[in-house]
Amino acid sequence: MVSLVLLALGTVYGTARGISLCIDAYSHKKALPAFVENLLWGIAQPCLVTGYTLFFIVVRNALTLKGRFQAWFTTRNILLVGSLPYLGIVIISELLVTFAPSHAIVSFVCQLIYTVINFALSLFYFTLARQLNFKFGTNNRAAQRASGRRMVFFRCACVAVAAGGLALSAAQVYAMSGEFSVFSRARFVAAWPWFGFNTAVRVLELYLSVVLLVLASYQGNRSAVEEAREGN
C-alpha cells in the first residue's frame, strides 16, 4: 500500500511539473491561465513532501513506535493530516498571488513553510540514518543477519534524502532573500543567475524524485526493517 501511494505521489508530481514545463515553461508564452499555471507548479510540492514524510514515518514506526501509535500512523491518516492542510495552503496562496498580487506575504509564507518542512525532514532523515546504524551495526550480528544489504540501502537512502533536502532548503532560502523574492522590486533577473538557480533547483527536485521512486520500487521496505528489528 505504501509503495503504491509513493508511486502515485511521484506520478502526480512528475505529471504536474511535466505539463507545466512542456506546455509553457516558466510562463514565458502565457499559454495557460495564470492560476492554472501556478497551481500546476505549486501542487507538486505537497506530493514530494508527503511522500518523504510517509516513508519516514513508516520506517520510524517499524523501529521504535509501540502498537497503539502504529495503529494511528496509517497511510490514510498521514495523507489527511500531512498533505491536505499543506495542499490547501498552496491553493489559497496561488489564488491570492493570481488574483490579488498585493498579498505577496501569503506566497512568502508558503515558501517559508516548504523550506522549514524540507529542513525538518532532512534532520529527521539524518537522525533515522544514525538510528539505523546504531540498531543494525556490525556489532549486532543477529540484526545484521536479518537485515543484510537492505539496511545498508536504507541508511544510504536516508543520507541521500537528507543531503538533497538540505540543498533544496538552502536554495529556497536564497530564493526568498534575493532577487527572486516575492518582495523584490527588481523587474528582471539577470539571465545567468536565473538560469543557474532554476537549473540547480530542477536538478535537486529530479534527484529527490528519483530517490523517492527507488524507495517506492524497493520491495519489502517495511518488512525488511521489521525483520531486522525482530532480529535485534
C-alpha atoms as a PDB file:
ATOM      1  CA  MET A   1       0.000   0.000   0.000  1.00  0.00           C
ATOM      2  CA  VAL A   2       2.756   2.444   0.952  1.00  0.00           C
ATOM      3  CA  SER A   3       4.660   1.747  -2.270  1.00  0.00           C
ATOM      4  CA  LEU A   4       1.527   2.407  -4.331  1.00  0.00           C
ATOM      5  CA  VAL A   5       0.909   5.720  -2.548  1.00  0.00           C
ATOM      6  CA  LEU A   6       4.534   6.783  -3.044  1.00  0.00           C
ATOM      7  CA  LEU A   7       4.358   5.906  -6.730  1.00  0.00           C
ATOM      8  CA  ALA A   8       1.057   7.792  -7.063  1.00  0.00           C
ATOM      9  CA  LEU A   9       2.513  10.885  -5.394  1.00  0.00           C
ATOM     10  CA  GLY A  10       5.581  10.699  -7.636  1.00  0.00           C
ATOM     11  CA  THR A  11       3.356  10.355 -10.687  1.00  0.00           C
ATOM     12  CA  VAL A  12       1.285  13.409  -9.756  1.00  0.00           C
ATOM     13  CA  TYR A  13       4.460  15.360  -9.050  1.00  0.00           C
ATOM     14  CA  GLY A  14       6.081  14.449 -12.352  1.00  0.00           C
ATOM     15  CA  THR A  15       2.899  14.941 -14.379  1.00  0.00           C
ATOM     16  CA  ALA A  16       2.164  18.383 -12.938  1.00  0.00           C
ATOM     17  CA  ARG A  17       5.713  19.633 -13.419  1.00  0.00           C
ATOM     18  CA  GLY A  18       5.986  17.989 -16.850  1.00  0.00           C
ATOM     19  CA  ILE A  19       2.803  19.617 -18.148  1.00  0.00           C
ATOM     20  CA  SER A  20       3.873  22.991 -16.809  1.00  0.00           C
ATOM     21  CA  LEU A  21       7.381  22.828 -18.266  1.00  0.00           C
ATOM     22  CA  CYS A  22       6.434  21.302 -21.626  1.00  0.00           C
ATOM     23  CA  ILE A  23       3.419  23.474 -22.416  1.00  0.00           C
ATOM     24  CA  ASP A  24       4.596  26.808 -21.061  1.00  0.00           C
ATOM     25  CA  ALA A  25       7.893  26.669 -19.205  1.00  0.00           C
ATOM     26  CA  TYR A  26       8.082  29.406 -16.565  1.00  0.00           C
ATOM     27  CA  SER A  27       5.033  31.134 -18.170  1.00  0.00           C
ATOM     28  CA  HIS A  28       7.150  32.701 -20.898  1.00  0.00           C
ATOM     29  CA  LYS A  29       4.436  32.225 -23.565  1.00  0.00           C
ATOM     30  CA  LYS A  30       1.412  32.890 -21.320  1.00  0.00           C
ATOM     31  CA  ALA A  31      -0.202  29.855 -22.958  1.00  0.00           C
ATOM     32  CA  LEU A  32      -2.077  28.845 -19.802  1.00  0.00           C
ATOM     33  CA  PRO A  33      -4.242  30.931 -17.466  1.00  0.00           C
ATOM     34  CA  ALA A  34      -2.125  32.270 -14.627  1.00  0.00           C
ATOM     35  CA  PHE A  35      -3.994  30.343 -11.937  1.00  0.00           C
ATOM     36  CA  VAL A  36      -3.730  27.037 -13.838  1.00  0.00           C
ATOM     37  CA  GLU A  37      -0.010  27.546 -14.404  1.00  0.00           C
ATOM     38  CA  ASN A  38       0.601  28.488 -10.757  1.00  0.00           C
ATOM     39  CA  LEU A  39      -1.491  25.586  -9.477  1.00  0.00           C
ATOM     40  CA  LEU A  40       0.259  23.041 -11.699  1.00  0.00           C
ATOM     41  CA  TRP A  41       3.569  24.296 -10.429  1.00  0.00           C
ATOM     42  CA  GLY A  42       2.653  24.599  -6.766  1.00  0.00           C
ATOM     43  CA  ILE A  43       0.681  21.380  -6.372  1.00  0.00           C
ATOM     44  CA  ALA A  44       3.808  19.305  -6.955  1.00  0.00           C
ATOM     45  CA  GLN A  45       5.478  20.402  -3.710  1.00  0.00           C
ATOM     46  CA  PRO A  46       2.963  18.742  -1.331  1.00  0.00           C
ATOM     47  CA  CYS A  47       3.351  15.485  -3.275  1.00  0.00           C
ATOM     48  CA  LEU A  48       7.109  15.339  -2.725  1.00  0.00           C
ATOM     49  CA  VAL A  49       6.901  16.414   0.913  1.00  0.00           C
ATOM     50  CA  THR A  50       4.090  13.956   1.688  1.00  0.00           C
ATOM     51  CA  GLY A  51       5.941  11.095   0.021  1.00  0.00           C
ATOM     52  CA  TYR A  52       9.043  11.574   2.125  1.00  0.00           C
ATOM     53  CA  THR A  53       7.020  12.170   5.292  1.00  0.00           C
ATOM     54  CA  LEU A  54       5.097   8.957   4.708  1.00  0.00           C
ATOM     55  CA  PHE A  55       8.215   6.871   4.137  1.00  0.00           C
ATOM     56  CA  PHE A  56       9.946   8.375   7.173  1.00  0.00           C
ATOM     57  CA  ILE A  57       7.027   7.593   9.479  1.00  0.00           C
ATOM     58  CA  VAL A  58       6.671   4.041   8.143  1.00  0.00           C
ATOM     59  CA  VAL A  59      10.334   3.250   8.888  1.00  0.00           C
ATOM     60  CA  ARG A  60      10.196   5.100  12.193  1.00  0.00           C
ATOM     61  CA  ASN A  61       7.094   3.121  13.202  1.00  0.00           C
ATOM     62  CA  ALA A  62       8.777  -0.166  12.418  1.00  0.00           C
ATOM     63  CA  LEU A  63      11.809   0.791  14.505  1.00  0.00           C
ATOM     64  CA  THR A  64      10.524   2.459  17.647  1.00  0.00           C
ATOM     65  CA  LEU A  65       6.802   3.138  17.990  1.00  0.00           C
ATOM     66  CA  LYS A  66       4.514   0.892  20.018  1.00  0.00           C
ATOM     67  CA  GLY A  67       1.386  -0.797  18.787  1.00  0.00           C
ATOM     68  CA  ARG A  68      -1.137   1.872  19.744  1.00  0.00           C
ATOM     69  CA  PHE A  69       0.854   4.537  17.902  1.00  0.00           C
ATOM     70  CA  GLN A  70       1.393   2.322  14.871  1.00  0.00           C
ATOM     71  CA  ALA A  71      -2.378   1.864  14.670  1.00  0.00           C
ATOM     72  CA  TRP A  72      -2.832   5.630  14.245  1.00  0.00           C
ATOM     73  CA  PHE A  73       0.040   6.280  11.821  1.00  0.00           C
ATOM     74  CA  THR A  74      -1.720   4.752   8.835  1.00  0.00           C
ATOM     75  CA  THR A  75      -1.271   5.830   5.234  1.00  0.00           C
ATOM     76  CA  ARG A  76      -4.735   7.415   5.198  1.00  0.00           C
ATOM     77  CA  ASN A  77      -4.167   9.422   8.377  1.00  0.00           C
ATOM     78  CA  ILE A  78      -0.767  10.644   7.238  1.00  0.00           C
ATOM     79  CA  LEU A  79      -2.221  11.806   3.925  1.00  0.00           C
ATOM     80  CA  LEU A  80      -5.126  13.567   5.661  1.00  0.00           C
ATOM     81  CA  VAL A  81      -3.051  15.262   8.357  1.00  0.00           C
ATOM     82  CA  GLY A  82       0.192  15.824   6.471  1.00  0.00           C
ATOM     83  CA  SER A  83      -0.895  16.532   2.915  1.00  0.00           C
ATOM     84  CA  LEU A  84      -4.331  18.156   2.793  1.00  0.00           C
ATOM     85  CA  PRO A  85      -3.532  21.187   5.015  1.00  0.00           C
ATOM     86  CA  TYR A  86      -0.376  21.939   3.031  1.00  0.00           C
ATOM     87  CA  LEU A  87      -2.242  21.441  -0.243  1.00  0.00           C
ATOM     88  CA  GLY A  88      -4.896  23.873   0.960  1.00  0.00           C
ATOM     89  CA  ILE A  89      -2.237  26.465   1.798  1.00  0.00           C
ATOM     90  CA  VAL A  90      -0.738  26.079  -1.675  1.00  0.00           C
ATOM     91  CA  ILE A  91      -4.102  26.505  -3.421  1.00  0.00           C
ATOM     92  CA  ILE A  92      -5.009  29.580  -1.338  1.00  0.00           C
ATOM     93  CA  SER A  93      -1.559  31.046  -1.967  1.00  0.00           C
ATOM     94  CA  GLU A  94      -1.824  30.572  -5.724  1.00  0.00           C
ATOM     95  CA  LEU A  95      -5.324  32.072  -5.758  1.00  0.00           C
ATOM     96  CA  LEU A  96      -4.145  35.175  -3.924  1.00  0.00           C
ATOM     97  CA  VAL A  97      -0.974  35.554  -5.985  1.00  0.00           C
ATOM     98  CA  THR A  98      -3.023  35.287  -9.189  1.00  0.00           C
ATOM     99  CA  PHE A  99      -5.993  37.487  -8.326  1.00  0.00           C
ATOM    100  CA  ALA A 100      -4.602  39.680  -5.541  1.00  0.00           C
ATOM    101  CA  PRO A 101      -0.871  40.219  -6.205  1.00  0.00           C
ATOM    102  CA  SER A 102      -0.617  42.692  -3.334  1.00  0.00           C
ATOM    103  CA  HIS A 103      -0.951  39.763  -0.907  1.00  0.00           C
ATOM    104  CA  ALA A 104       2.569  38.527  -1.679  1.00  0.00           C
ATOM    105  CA  ILE A 105       3.065  37.718   2.007  1.00  0.00           C
ATOM    106  CA  VAL A 106       0.922  34.592   1.552  1.00  0.00           C
ATOM    107  CA  SER A 107       3.222  33.298  -1.167  1.00  0.00           C
ATOM    108  CA  PHE A 108       6.212  34.077   1.058  1.00  0.00           C
ATOM    109  CA  VAL A 109       4.626  32.147   3.951  1.00  0.00           C
ATOM    110  CA  CYS A 110       4.046  29.180   1.654  1.00  0.00           C
ATOM    111  CA  GLN A 111       7.693  29.262   0.561  1.00  0.00           C
ATOM    112  CA  LEU A 112       8.764  29.511   4.197  1.00  0.00           C
ATOM    113  CA  ILE A 113       6.633  26.509   5.168  1.00  0.00           C
ATOM    114  CA  TYR A 114       8.112  24.497   2.308  1.00  0.00           C
ATOM    115  CA  THR A 115      11.645  25.440   3.397  1.00  0.00           C
ATOM    116  CA  VAL A 116      11.034  24.604   7.065  1.00  0.00           C
ATOM    117  CA  ILE A 117       9.446  21.251   6.189  1.00  0.00           C
ATOM    118  CA  ASN A 118      12.351  20.355   3.902  1.00  0.00           C
ATOM    119  CA  PHE A 119      14.868  21.282   6.573  1.00  0.00           C
ATOM    120  CA  ALA A 120      12.968  19.350   9.267  1.00  0.00           C
ATOM    121  CA  LEU A 121      12.713  16.256   7.070  1.00  0.00           C
ATOM    122  CA  SER A 122      16.448  16.458   6.374  1.00  0.00           C
ATOM    123  CA  LEU A 123      17.193  16.462  10.099  1.00  0.00           C
ATOM    124  CA  PHE A 124      14.746  13.598  10.660  1.00  0.00           C
ATOM    125  CA  TYR A 125      16.379  11.512   7.935  1.00  0.00           C
ATOM    126  CA  PHE A 126      19.867  12.177   9.301  1.00  0.00           C
ATOM    127  CA  THR A 127      18.581  11.052  12.717  1.00  0.00           C
ATOM    128  CA  LEU A 128      16.969   7.991  11.166  1.00  0.00           C
ATOM    129  CA  ALA A 129      20.217   7.055   9.403  1.00  0.00           C
ATOM    130  CA  ARG A 130      22.077   7.263  12.715  1.00  0.00           C
ATOM    131  CA  GLN A 131      19.409   5.207  14.425  1.00  0.00           C
ATOM    132  CA  LEU A 132      19.583   2.522  11.755  1.00  0.00           C
ATOM    133  CA  ASN A 133      23.356   2.450  12.072  1.00  0.00           C
ATOM    134  CA  PHE A 134      23.114   2.144  15.861  1.00  0.00           C
ATOM    135  CA  LYS A 135      20.471  -0.588  15.844  1.00  0.00           C
ATOM    136  CA  PHE A 136      21.832  -2.643  12.988  1.00  0.00           C
ATOM    137  CA  GLY A 137      25.558  -2.008  13.154  1.00  0.00           C
ATOM    138  CA  THR A 138      28.309  -4.518  12.717  1.00  0.00           C
ATOM    139  CA  ASN A 139      28.299  -5.388  16.419  1.00  0.00           C
ATOM    140  CA  ASN A 140      24.736  -6.653  16.246  1.00  0.00           C
ATOM    141  CA  ARG A 141      25.153  -9.969  14.462  1.00  0.00           C
ATOM    142  CA  ALA A 142      21.529 -11.075  14.794  1.00  0.00           C
ATOM    143  CA  ALA A 143      20.247  -7.864  13.298  1.00  0.00           C
ATOM    144  CA  GLN A 144      22.949  -7.943  10.665  1.00  0.00           C
ATOM    145  CA  ARG A 145      21.853 -11.404   9.524  1.00  0.00           C
ATOM    146  CA  ALA A 146      18.221 -10.281   9.382  1.00  0.00           C
ATOM    147  CA  SER A 147      18.857  -7.054   7.549  1.00  0.00           C
ATOM    148  CA  GLY A 148      21.850  -7.658   5.285  1.00  0.00           C
ATOM    149  CA  ARG A 149      22.157  -5.355   2.330  1.00  0.00           C
ATOM    150  CA  ARG A 150      18.676  -3.949   2.800  1.00  0.00           C
ATOM    151  CA  MET A 151      19.693  -1.985   5.899  1.00  0.00           C
ATOM    152  CA  VAL A 152      22.728  -0.640   4.063  1.00  0.00           C
ATOM    153  CA  PHE A 153      20.346   0.509   1.334  1.00  0.00           C
ATOM    154  CA  PHE A 154      18.072   2.267   3.826  1.00  0.00           C
ATOM    155  CA  ARG A 155      20.943   4.004   5.589  1.00  0.00           C
ATOM    156  CA  CYS A 156      22.351   5.259   2.289  1.00  0.00           C
ATOM    157  CA  ALA A 157      18.873   6.322   1.142  1.00  0.00           C
ATOM    158  CA  CYS A 158      18.285   8.290   4.362  1.00  0.00           C
ATOM    159  CA  VAL A 159      21.585  10.141   3.962  1.00  0.00           C
ATOM    160  CA  ALA A 160      20.808  10.828   0.285  1.00  0.00           C
ATOM    161  CA  VAL A 161      17.377  12.239   1.156  1.00  0.00           C
ATOM    162  CA  ALA A 162      18.778  14.366   3.991  1.00  0.00           C
ATOM    163  CA  ALA A 163      21.531  15.834   1.807  1.00  0.00           C
ATOM    164  CA  GLY A 164      19.105  16.625  -1.017  1.00  0.00           C
ATOM    165  CA  GLY A 165      16.631  18.202   1.378  1.00  0.00           C
ATOM    166  CA  LEU A 166      19.291  20.436   2.925  1.00  0.00           C
ATOM    167  CA  ALA A 167      20.450  21.586  -0.505  1.00  0.00           C
ATOM    168  CA  LEU A 168      16.873  22.333  -1.563  1.00  0.00           C
ATOM    169  CA  SER A 169      16.249  24.245   1.675  1.00  0.00           C
ATOM    170  CA  ALA A 170      19.358  26.348   1.054  1.00  0.00           C
ATOM    171  CA  ALA A 171      18.158  27.105  -2.472  1.00  0.00           C
ATOM    172  CA  GLN A 172      14.763  28.174  -1.152  1.00  0.00           C
ATOM    173  CA  VAL A 173      16.358  30.475   1.435  1.00  0.00           C
ATOM    174  CA  TYR A 174      18.355  32.083  -1.368  1.00  0.00           C
ATOM    175  CA  ALA A 175      15.178  32.494  -3.432  1.00  0.00           C
ATOM    176  CA  MET A 176      13.305  34.134  -0.554  1.00  0.00           C
ATOM    177  CA  SER A 177      16.051  36.609   0.268  1.00  0.00           C
ATOM    178  CA  GLY A 178      17.499  37.646  -3.094  1.00  0.00           C
ATOM    179  CA  GLU A 179      16.327  38.887  -6.459  1.00  0.00           C
ATOM    180  CA  PHE A 180      13.860  36.012  -6.687  1.00  0.00           C
ATOM    181  CA  SER A 181      11.991  37.097  -3.565  1.00  0.00           C
ATOM    182  CA  VAL A 182       8.304  37.990  -3.915  1.00  0.00           C
ATOM    183  CA  PHE A 183       9.179  41.289  -2.225  1.00  0.00           C
ATOM    184  CA  SER A 184      11.983  42.136  -4.637  1.00  0.00           C
ATOM    185  CA  ARG A 185      11.485  45.332  -6.618  1.00  0.00           C
ATOM    186  CA  ALA A 186      13.631  44.109  -9.483  1.00  0.00           C
ATOM    187  CA  ARG A 187      11.611  43.866 -12.690  1.00  0.00           C
ATOM    188  CA  PHE A 188      14.049  41.428 -14.284  1.00  0.00           C
ATOM    189  CA  VAL A 189      16.666  38.974 -13.057  1.00  0.00           C
ATOM    190  CA  ALA A 190      19.960  38.665 -14.913  1.00  0.00           C
ATOM    191  CA  ALA A 191      19.966  35.754 -17.344  1.00  0.00           C
ATOM    192  CA  TRP A 192      22.806  33.652 -15.925  1.00  0.00           C
ATOM    193  CA  PRO A 193      21.778  33.873 -12.240  1.00  0.00           C
ATOM    194  CA  TRP A 194      18.220  32.968 -13.274  1.00  0.00           C
ATOM    195  CA  PHE A 195      19.421  30.049 -15.387  1.00  0.00           C
ATOM    196  CA  GLY A 196      21.841  28.783 -12.734  1.00  0.00           C
ATOM    197  CA  PHE A 197      19.339  28.952  -9.891  1.00  0.00           C
ATOM    198  CA  ASN A 198      16.453  27.330 -11.755  1.00  0.00           C
ATOM    199  CA  THR A 199      18.663  24.620 -13.217  1.00  0.00           C
ATOM    200  CA  ALA A 200      20.068  23.790  -9.782  1.00  0.00           C
ATOM    201  CA  VAL A 201      16.602  23.586  -8.223  1.00  0.00           C
ATOM    202  CA  ARG A 202      15.223  21.440 -11.056  1.00  0.00           C
ATOM    203  CA  VAL A 203      18.197  19.066 -10.733  1.00  0.00           C
ATOM    204  CA  LEU A 204      17.641  18.792  -6.965  1.00  0.00           C
ATOM    205  CA  GLU A 205      13.937  18.119  -7.433  1.00  0.00           C
ATOM    206  CA  LEU A 206      14.672  15.499 -10.077  1.00  0.00           C
ATOM    207  CA  TYR A 207      17.234  13.904  -7.779  1.00  0.00           C
ATOM    208  CA  LEU A 208      14.755  13.714  -4.876  1.00  0.00           C
ATOM    209  CA  SER A 209      12.054  12.378  -7.200  1.00  0.00           C
ATOM    210  CA  VAL A 210      14.338   9.591  -8.419  1.00  0.00           C
ATOM    211  CA  VAL A 211      15.267   8.665  -4.838  1.00  0.00           C
ATOM    212  CA  LEU A 212      11.570   8.558  -3.923  1.00  0.00           C
ATOM    213  CA  LEU A 213      10.886   6.351  -6.957  1.00  0.00           C
ATOM    214  CA  VAL A 214      13.663   3.975  -5.903  1.00  0.00           C
ATOM    215  CA  LEU A 215      12.279   3.816  -2.365  1.00  0.00           C
ATOM    216  CA  ALA A 216       8.774   3.145  -3.658  1.00  0.00           C
ATOM    217  CA  SER A 217      10.008   0.445  -6.029  1.00  0.00           C
ATOM    218  CA  TYR A 218      12.171  -1.306  -3.449  1.00  0.00           C
ATOM    219  CA  GLN A 219      10.316  -4.430  -2.448  1.00  0.00           C
ATOM    220  CA  GLY A 220       9.744  -5.352   1.171  1.00  0.00           C
ATOM    221  CA  ASN A 221      10.780  -1.996   2.593  1.00  0.00           C
ATOM    222  CA  ARG A 222       8.762  -2.215   5.782  1.00  0.00           C
ATOM    223  CA  SER A 223       9.167  -5.946   6.260  1.00  0.00           C
ATOM    224  CA  ALA A 224      12.939  -5.585   5.963  1.00  0.00           C
ATOM    225  CA  VAL A 225      13.068  -3.136   8.842  1.00  0.00           C
ATOM    226  CA  GLU A 226      10.675  -5.186  10.933  1.00  0.00           C
ATOM    227  CA  GLU A 227      12.660  -8.384  10.346  1.00  0.00           C
ATOM    228  CA  ALA A 228      15.831  -6.624  11.404  1.00  0.00           C
ATOM    229  CA  ARG A 229      14.060  -5.294  14.460  1.00  0.00           C
ATOM    230  CA  GLU A 230      12.926  -8.778  15.405  1.00  0.00           C
ATOM    231  CA  GLY A 231      16.491  -9.968  14.960  1.00  0.00           C
ATOM    232  CA  ASN A 232      17.540  -7.274  17.374  1.00  0.00           C
END
